[in-house]
Amino acid sequence: QVQPVESGGGLVQAGGSLRLSCAASGRTFSSYNVGWFRQAPGKAREFVAAIRRSADVTYYADSVKGRFTISRDNAKNTVYLQMGSLKPEDTAVYHCAAGVTGEISRYNNYAYWGQGTQVTVSS
């Protein structure tokens, strides 16, 4: 199995950028679909972006399309989420997750989850 570990969160002003990293321990990340999800206080967990284990096809929520980019570096066993043009509504805890099958935007198709990293965007 694989254990994702997120890093890179922080406080940033609106319009700024952050890059989140998700490093894998255990099995190699290239064997898994990897997704980013976020959860703001009082709100449901929300799909942000994902990258498929084969062919590196990427998927994005409409709310982040054009602003966020997901990528993977297999040599470093790490997946990144580059976030730009950040808005206050992007404030949330961001979780990285790994899974093998199923609809890639559904959180219950991911078996392995990291603890999350806080992203706060000030206006």
N, C-alpha and C. Protein backbone atom coordinates (compact mmCIF):
# COMPACT_ATOMS: atom_id res chain seq x y z
N GLN A 1 0.83 -1.18 0.00
CA GLN A 1 0.00 0.00 0.00
C GLN A 1 0.87 1.24 0.00
N VAL A 2 0.23 2.39 -0.14
CA VAL A 2 0.96 3.65 -0.26
C VAL A 2 0.43 4.63 0.77
N GLN A 3 1.28 5.46 1.31
CA GLN A 3 0.89 6.49 2.26
C GLN A 3 1.24 7.86 1.72
N PRO A 4 0.22 8.65 1.35
CA PRO A 4 0.50 10.01 0.85
C PRO A 4 0.79 10.97 2.00
N VAL A 5 1.70 11.91 1.77
CA VAL A 5 2.04 12.94 2.76
C VAL A 5 2.09 14.28 2.04
N GLU A 6 1.19 15.20 2.46
CA GLU A 6 1.10 16.50 1.80
C GLU A 6 2.02 17.53 2.48
N SER A 7 2.42 18.52 1.70
CA SER A 7 3.17 19.66 2.22
C SER A 7 2.97 20.84 1.27
N GLY A 8 3.36 22.02 1.74
CA GLY A 8 3.33 23.19 0.88
C GLY A 8 2.21 24.17 1.13
N GLY A 9 1.31 23.86 2.05
CA GLY A 9 0.24 24.79 2.34
C GLY A 9 0.75 26.03 3.05
N GLY A 10 -0.13 27.01 3.21
CA GLY A 10 0.25 28.23 3.91
C GLY A 10 -0.75 29.33 3.69
N LEU A 11 -0.34 30.54 4.06
CA LEU A 11 -1.16 31.72 3.92
C LEU A 11 -0.67 32.53 2.73
N VAL A 12 -1.58 32.90 1.86
CA VAL A 12 -1.21 33.66 0.66
C VAL A 12 -2.31 34.68 0.38
N GLN A 13 -1.92 35.79 -0.24
CA GLN A 13 -2.92 36.80 -0.61
C GLN A 13 -3.65 36.39 -1.87
N ALA A 14 -4.84 36.89 -2.01
CA ALA A 14 -5.63 36.64 -3.23
C ALA A 14 -4.82 37.05 -4.45
N GLY A 15 -4.87 36.21 -5.46
CA GLY A 15 -4.09 36.44 -6.67
C GLY A 15 -2.75 35.77 -6.66
N GLY A 16 -2.32 35.27 -5.51
CA GLY A 16 -1.03 34.63 -5.37
C GLY A 16 -1.03 33.17 -5.79
N SER A 17 0.11 32.52 -5.56
CA SER A 17 0.30 31.14 -5.98
C SER A 17 0.89 30.31 -4.84
N LEU A 18 0.62 29.03 -4.89
CA LEU A 18 1.21 28.06 -3.98
C LEU A 18 1.39 26.76 -4.75
N ARG A 19 2.38 25.98 -4.35
CA ARG A 19 2.52 24.64 -4.91
C ARG A 19 2.46 23.63 -3.77
N LEU A 20 1.48 22.76 -3.86
CA LEU A 20 1.36 21.67 -2.91
C LEU A 20 2.08 20.45 -3.45
N SER A 21 2.68 19.70 -2.52
CA SER A 21 3.35 18.46 -2.88
C SER A 21 2.70 17.31 -2.14
N CYS A 22 2.68 16.17 -2.79
CA CYS A 22 2.18 14.94 -2.17
C CYS A 22 3.21 13.87 -2.43
N ALA A 23 3.96 13.53 -1.40
CA ALA A 23 4.98 12.51 -1.51
C ALA A 23 4.43 11.17 -1.05
N ALA A 24 4.88 10.11 -1.68
CA ALA A 24 4.38 8.78 -1.36
C ALA A 24 5.45 7.97 -0.64
N SER A 25 5.01 7.31 0.41
CA SER A 25 5.87 6.30 1.02
C SER A 25 5.23 4.94 0.76
N GLY A 26 6.02 3.91 0.73
CA GLY A 26 5.48 2.60 0.40
C GLY A 26 5.59 2.36 -1.10
N ARG A 27 4.54 1.95 -1.71
CA ARG A 27 4.56 1.66 -3.14
C ARG A 27 4.69 2.93 -3.96
N THR A 28 5.11 2.76 -5.20
CA THR A 28 5.29 3.90 -6.07
C THR A 28 3.95 4.51 -6.47
N PHE A 29 3.92 5.83 -6.54
CA PHE A 29 2.71 6.56 -6.90
C PHE A 29 2.26 6.26 -8.32
N SER A 30 3.19 5.88 -9.18
CA SER A 30 2.83 5.67 -10.58
C SER A 30 1.85 4.52 -10.75
N SER A 31 1.68 3.70 -9.73
CA SER A 31 0.72 2.59 -9.78
C SER A 31 -0.70 3.03 -9.44
N TYR A 32 -0.89 4.30 -9.09
CA TYR A 32 -2.17 4.78 -8.58
C TYR A 32 -2.67 6.01 -9.32
N ASN A 33 -3.99 6.11 -9.38
CA ASN A 33 -4.59 7.41 -9.65
C ASN A 33 -4.35 8.27 -8.41
N VAL A 34 -4.02 9.54 -8.59
CA VAL A 34 -3.81 10.42 -7.44
C VAL A 34 -4.71 11.64 -7.59
N GLY A 35 -5.44 11.93 -6.54
CA GLY A 35 -6.36 13.05 -6.57
C GLY A 35 -6.10 14.03 -5.45
N TRP A 36 -6.49 15.27 -5.69
CA TRP A 36 -6.51 16.29 -4.65
C TRP A 36 -7.96 16.65 -4.36
N PHE A 37 -8.28 16.68 -3.09
CA PHE A 37 -9.60 17.07 -2.63
C PHE A 37 -9.41 18.16 -1.58
N ARG A 38 -10.44 18.96 -1.36
CA ARG A 38 -10.34 19.99 -0.33
C ARG A 38 -11.63 20.03 0.47
N GLN A 39 -11.48 20.51 1.69
CA GLN A 39 -12.65 20.64 2.56
C GLN A 39 -12.52 21.90 3.38
N ALA A 40 -13.47 22.79 3.21
CA ALA A 40 -13.54 24.02 3.98
C ALA A 40 -14.44 23.79 5.19
N PRO A 41 -14.28 24.57 6.25
CA PRO A 41 -15.11 24.39 7.44
C PRO A 41 -16.60 24.47 7.10
N GLY A 42 -17.33 23.47 7.58
CA GLY A 42 -18.77 23.46 7.36
C GLY A 42 -19.21 23.05 5.97
N LYS A 43 -18.26 22.66 5.14
CA LYS A 43 -18.61 22.28 3.77
C LYS A 43 -18.21 20.84 3.51
N ALA A 44 -18.78 20.27 2.48
CA ALA A 44 -18.47 18.89 2.10
C ALA A 44 -17.11 18.83 1.40
N ARG A 45 -16.52 17.65 1.43
CA ARG A 45 -15.27 17.43 0.71
C ARG A 45 -15.52 17.62 -0.78
N GLU A 46 -14.59 18.27 -1.44
CA GLU A 46 -14.78 18.67 -2.83
C GLU A 46 -13.60 18.20 -3.68
N PHE A 47 -13.91 17.64 -4.82
CA PHE A 47 -12.87 17.24 -5.78
C PHE A 47 -12.21 18.48 -6.36
N VAL A 48 -10.88 18.43 -6.47
CA VAL A 48 -10.13 19.55 -7.05
C VAL A 48 -9.48 19.14 -8.37
N ALA A 49 -8.66 18.09 -8.32
CA ALA A 49 -7.93 17.68 -9.52
C ALA A 49 -7.45 16.25 -9.32
N ALA A 50 -7.15 15.58 -10.43
CA ALA A 50 -6.64 14.22 -10.36
C ALA A 50 -5.80 13.92 -11.58
N ILE A 51 -4.92 12.94 -11.41
CA ILE A 51 -4.09 12.48 -12.51
C ILE A 51 -4.16 10.96 -12.53
N ARG A 52 -4.43 10.42 -13.70
CA ARG A 52 -4.63 8.99 -13.82
C ARG A 52 -3.29 8.27 -13.86
N ARG A 53 -3.29 7.02 -13.35
CA ARG A 53 -2.04 6.28 -13.23
C ARG A 53 -1.46 5.91 -14.58
N SER A 54 -2.29 5.71 -15.58
CA SER A 54 -1.78 5.40 -16.90
C SER A 54 -2.02 6.59 -17.81
N ALA A 55 -1.09 6.94 -18.61
CA ALA A 55 -1.20 7.99 -19.61
C ALA A 55 -1.20 9.40 -19.03
N ASP A 56 -1.15 9.51 -17.69
CA ASP A 56 -1.08 10.84 -17.05
C ASP A 56 -2.17 11.79 -17.54
N VAL A 57 -3.34 11.28 -17.77
CA VAL A 57 -4.47 12.13 -18.12
C VAL A 57 -4.90 12.88 -16.86
N THR A 58 -5.22 14.16 -17.01
CA THR A 58 -5.56 14.98 -15.86
C THR A 58 -7.02 15.44 -15.91
N TYR A 59 -7.56 15.71 -14.75
CA TYR A 59 -8.95 16.12 -14.59
C TYR A 59 -9.00 17.26 -13.58
N TYR A 60 -9.93 18.19 -13.80
CA TYR A 60 -10.05 19.34 -12.91
C TYR A 60 -11.51 19.66 -12.64
N ALA A 61 -11.75 20.16 -11.43
CA ALA A 61 -13.06 20.73 -11.14
C ALA A 61 -13.20 22.03 -11.92
N ASP A 62 -14.42 22.35 -12.30
CA ASP A 62 -14.65 23.58 -13.06
C ASP A 62 -14.16 24.80 -12.30
N SER A 63 -14.25 24.75 -10.98
CA SER A 63 -13.89 25.92 -10.17
C SER A 63 -12.40 26.24 -10.18
N VAL A 64 -11.57 25.27 -10.59
CA VAL A 64 -10.12 25.50 -10.58
C VAL A 64 -9.50 25.39 -11.97
N LYS A 65 -10.29 25.01 -12.96
CA LYS A 65 -9.77 24.81 -14.30
C LYS A 65 -9.16 26.11 -14.82
N GLY A 66 -7.96 25.99 -15.35
CA GLY A 66 -7.26 27.17 -15.85
C GLY A 66 -6.41 27.88 -14.80
N ARG A 67 -6.61 27.53 -13.53
CA ARG A 67 -5.84 28.15 -12.45
C ARG A 67 -4.91 27.16 -11.77
N PHE A 68 -5.32 25.90 -11.69
CA PHE A 68 -4.54 24.86 -11.01
C PHE A 68 -4.01 23.87 -12.04
N THR A 69 -2.84 23.30 -11.74
CA THR A 69 -2.26 22.27 -12.59
C THR A 69 -1.74 21.13 -11.73
N ILE A 70 -2.16 19.92 -12.06
CA ILE A 70 -1.67 18.74 -11.36
C ILE A 70 -0.63 18.06 -12.24
N SER A 71 0.43 17.56 -11.60
CA SER A 71 1.49 16.88 -12.34
C SER A 71 2.14 15.87 -11.43
N ARG A 72 2.90 14.97 -12.03
CA ARG A 72 3.61 13.99 -11.22
C ARG A 72 5.05 13.90 -11.65
N ASP A 73 5.92 13.61 -10.70
CA ASP A 73 7.34 13.35 -10.95
C ASP A 73 7.61 11.94 -10.42
N ASN A 74 7.62 10.98 -11.33
CA ASN A 74 7.78 9.59 -10.90
C ASN A 74 9.13 9.34 -10.27
N ALA A 75 10.15 10.05 -10.72
CA ALA A 75 11.49 9.86 -10.13
C ALA A 75 11.51 10.25 -8.66
N LYS A 76 10.68 11.23 -8.30
CA LYS A 76 10.60 11.68 -6.91
C LYS A 76 9.42 11.08 -6.17
N ASN A 77 8.64 10.26 -6.89
CA ASN A 77 7.46 9.63 -6.30
C ASN A 77 6.55 10.68 -5.65
N THR A 78 6.33 11.74 -6.38
CA THR A 78 5.60 12.89 -5.85
C THR A 78 4.62 13.42 -6.89
N VAL A 79 3.48 13.87 -6.41
CA VAL A 79 2.49 14.55 -7.23
C VAL A 79 2.36 15.98 -6.73
N TYR A 80 2.23 16.91 -7.66
CA TYR A 80 2.17 18.32 -7.31
C TYR A 80 0.83 18.92 -7.71
N LEU A 81 0.44 19.94 -6.98
CA LEU A 81 -0.71 20.76 -7.36
C LEU A 81 -0.24 22.20 -7.36
N GLN A 82 -0.02 22.73 -8.55
CA GLN A 82 0.36 24.14 -8.70
C GLN A 82 -0.91 24.97 -8.74
N MET A 83 -1.03 25.88 -7.80
CA MET A 83 -2.25 26.68 -7.67
C MET A 83 -1.92 28.14 -7.96
N GLY A 84 -2.64 28.75 -8.87
CA GLY A 84 -2.43 30.14 -9.22
C GLY A 84 -3.73 30.92 -9.18
N SER A 85 -3.60 32.24 -9.24
CA SER A 85 -4.76 33.15 -9.20
C SER A 85 -5.69 32.75 -8.06
N LEU A 86 -5.11 32.54 -6.90
CA LEU A 86 -5.87 32.03 -5.76
C LEU A 86 -6.91 33.03 -5.30
N LYS A 87 -8.03 32.48 -4.86
CA LYS A 87 -9.17 33.27 -4.39
C LYS A 87 -9.47 32.90 -2.94
N PRO A 88 -10.09 33.79 -2.19
CA PRO A 88 -10.46 33.44 -0.81
C PRO A 88 -11.29 32.15 -0.71
N GLU A 89 -12.11 31.89 -1.72
CA GLU A 89 -12.92 30.68 -1.69
C GLU A 89 -12.12 29.40 -1.92
N ASP A 90 -10.83 29.53 -2.21
CA ASP A 90 -9.96 28.36 -2.29
C ASP A 90 -9.45 27.93 -0.92
N THR A 91 -9.74 28.71 0.10
CA THR A 91 -9.32 28.39 1.45
C THR A 91 -9.94 27.08 1.91
N ALA A 92 -9.09 26.14 2.33
CA ALA A 92 -9.55 24.82 2.75
C ALA A 92 -8.34 24.00 3.20
N VAL A 93 -8.64 22.85 3.77
CA VAL A 93 -7.61 21.82 3.97
C VAL A 93 -7.57 20.98 2.70
N TYR A 94 -6.40 20.86 2.13
CA TYR A 94 -6.23 20.10 0.90
C TYR A 94 -5.64 18.73 1.22
N HIS A 95 -6.32 17.70 0.72
CA HIS A 95 -5.90 16.33 0.95
C HIS A 95 -5.49 15.69 -0.37
N CYS A 96 -4.45 14.89 -0.29
CA CYS A 96 -4.01 14.07 -1.41
C CYS A 96 -4.48 12.64 -1.15
N ALA A 97 -4.89 11.96 -2.20
CA ALA A 97 -5.39 10.60 -2.04
C ALA A 97 -4.95 9.75 -3.21
N ALA A 98 -4.80 8.45 -2.96
CA ALA A 98 -4.39 7.51 -4.00
C ALA A 98 -5.42 6.39 -4.12
N GLY A 99 -5.72 6.03 -5.34
CA GLY A 99 -6.67 4.96 -5.58
C GLY A 99 -6.33 4.23 -6.86
N VAL A 100 -7.11 3.17 -7.13
CA VAL A 100 -6.78 2.33 -8.28
C VAL A 100 -7.87 2.33 -9.33
N THR A 101 -9.11 2.29 -8.90
CA THR A 101 -10.20 2.13 -9.86
C THR A 101 -11.32 3.11 -9.58
N GLY A 102 -12.27 3.17 -10.48
CA GLY A 102 -13.48 3.93 -10.27
C GLY A 102 -13.43 5.33 -10.82
N GLU A 103 -14.56 6.01 -10.70
CA GLU A 103 -14.68 7.39 -11.14
C GLU A 103 -13.66 8.25 -10.41
N ILE A 104 -12.83 8.94 -11.15
CA ILE A 104 -11.66 9.58 -10.56
C ILE A 104 -12.00 10.80 -9.71
N SER A 105 -13.17 11.36 -9.87
CA SER A 105 -13.54 12.53 -9.08
C SER A 105 -14.32 12.19 -7.81
N ARG A 106 -14.57 10.92 -7.58
CA ARG A 106 -15.34 10.51 -6.40
C ARG A 106 -14.39 10.13 -5.27
N TYR A 107 -14.53 10.78 -4.14
CA TYR A 107 -13.56 10.55 -3.07
C TYR A 107 -13.63 9.13 -2.52
N ASN A 108 -14.76 8.47 -2.61
CA ASN A 108 -14.84 7.12 -2.06
C ASN A 108 -14.18 6.07 -2.95
N ASN A 109 -13.60 6.49 -4.07
CA ASN A 109 -12.81 5.58 -4.89
C ASN A 109 -11.32 5.65 -4.57
N TYR A 110 -10.99 6.39 -3.52
CA TYR A 110 -9.60 6.51 -3.11
C TYR A 110 -9.42 5.83 -1.75
N ALA A 111 -8.48 4.89 -1.69
CA ALA A 111 -8.30 4.09 -0.48
C ALA A 111 -7.29 4.69 0.49
N TYR A 112 -6.38 5.49 -0.02
CA TYR A 112 -5.28 5.98 0.81
C TYR A 112 -5.27 7.50 0.82
N TRP A 113 -5.26 8.06 2.04
CA TRP A 113 -5.39 9.50 2.22
C TRP A 113 -4.27 10.06 3.08
N GLY A 114 -3.83 11.27 2.75
CA GLY A 114 -2.92 11.99 3.61
C GLY A 114 -3.67 12.78 4.66
N GLN A 115 -2.92 13.39 5.58
CA GLN A 115 -3.52 14.13 6.69
C GLN A 115 -4.02 15.50 6.26
N GLY A 116 -3.52 16.02 5.18
CA GLY A 116 -3.99 17.31 4.68
C GLY A 116 -3.03 18.43 5.01
N THR A 117 -3.15 19.50 4.22
CA THR A 117 -2.36 20.71 4.45
C THR A 117 -3.28 21.92 4.27
N GLN A 118 -3.16 22.87 5.19
CA GLN A 118 -4.06 24.02 5.19
C GLN A 118 -3.61 25.07 4.18
N VAL A 119 -4.55 25.52 3.38
CA VAL A 119 -4.32 26.64 2.46
C VAL A 119 -5.29 27.75 2.85
N THR A 120 -4.76 28.92 3.14
CA THR A 120 -5.59 30.07 3.50
C THR A 120 -5.27 31.22 2.55
N VAL A 121 -6.32 31.72 1.90
CA VAL A 121 -6.16 32.82 0.95
C VAL A 121 -6.85 34.04 1.52
N SER A 122 -6.08 35.08 1.77
CA SER A 122 -6.65 36.30 2.34
C SER A 122 -7.06 37.27 1.24
N SER A 123 -8.11 38.03 1.52
CA SER A 123 -8.61 38.98 0.51
C SER A 123 -7.93 40.33 0.62
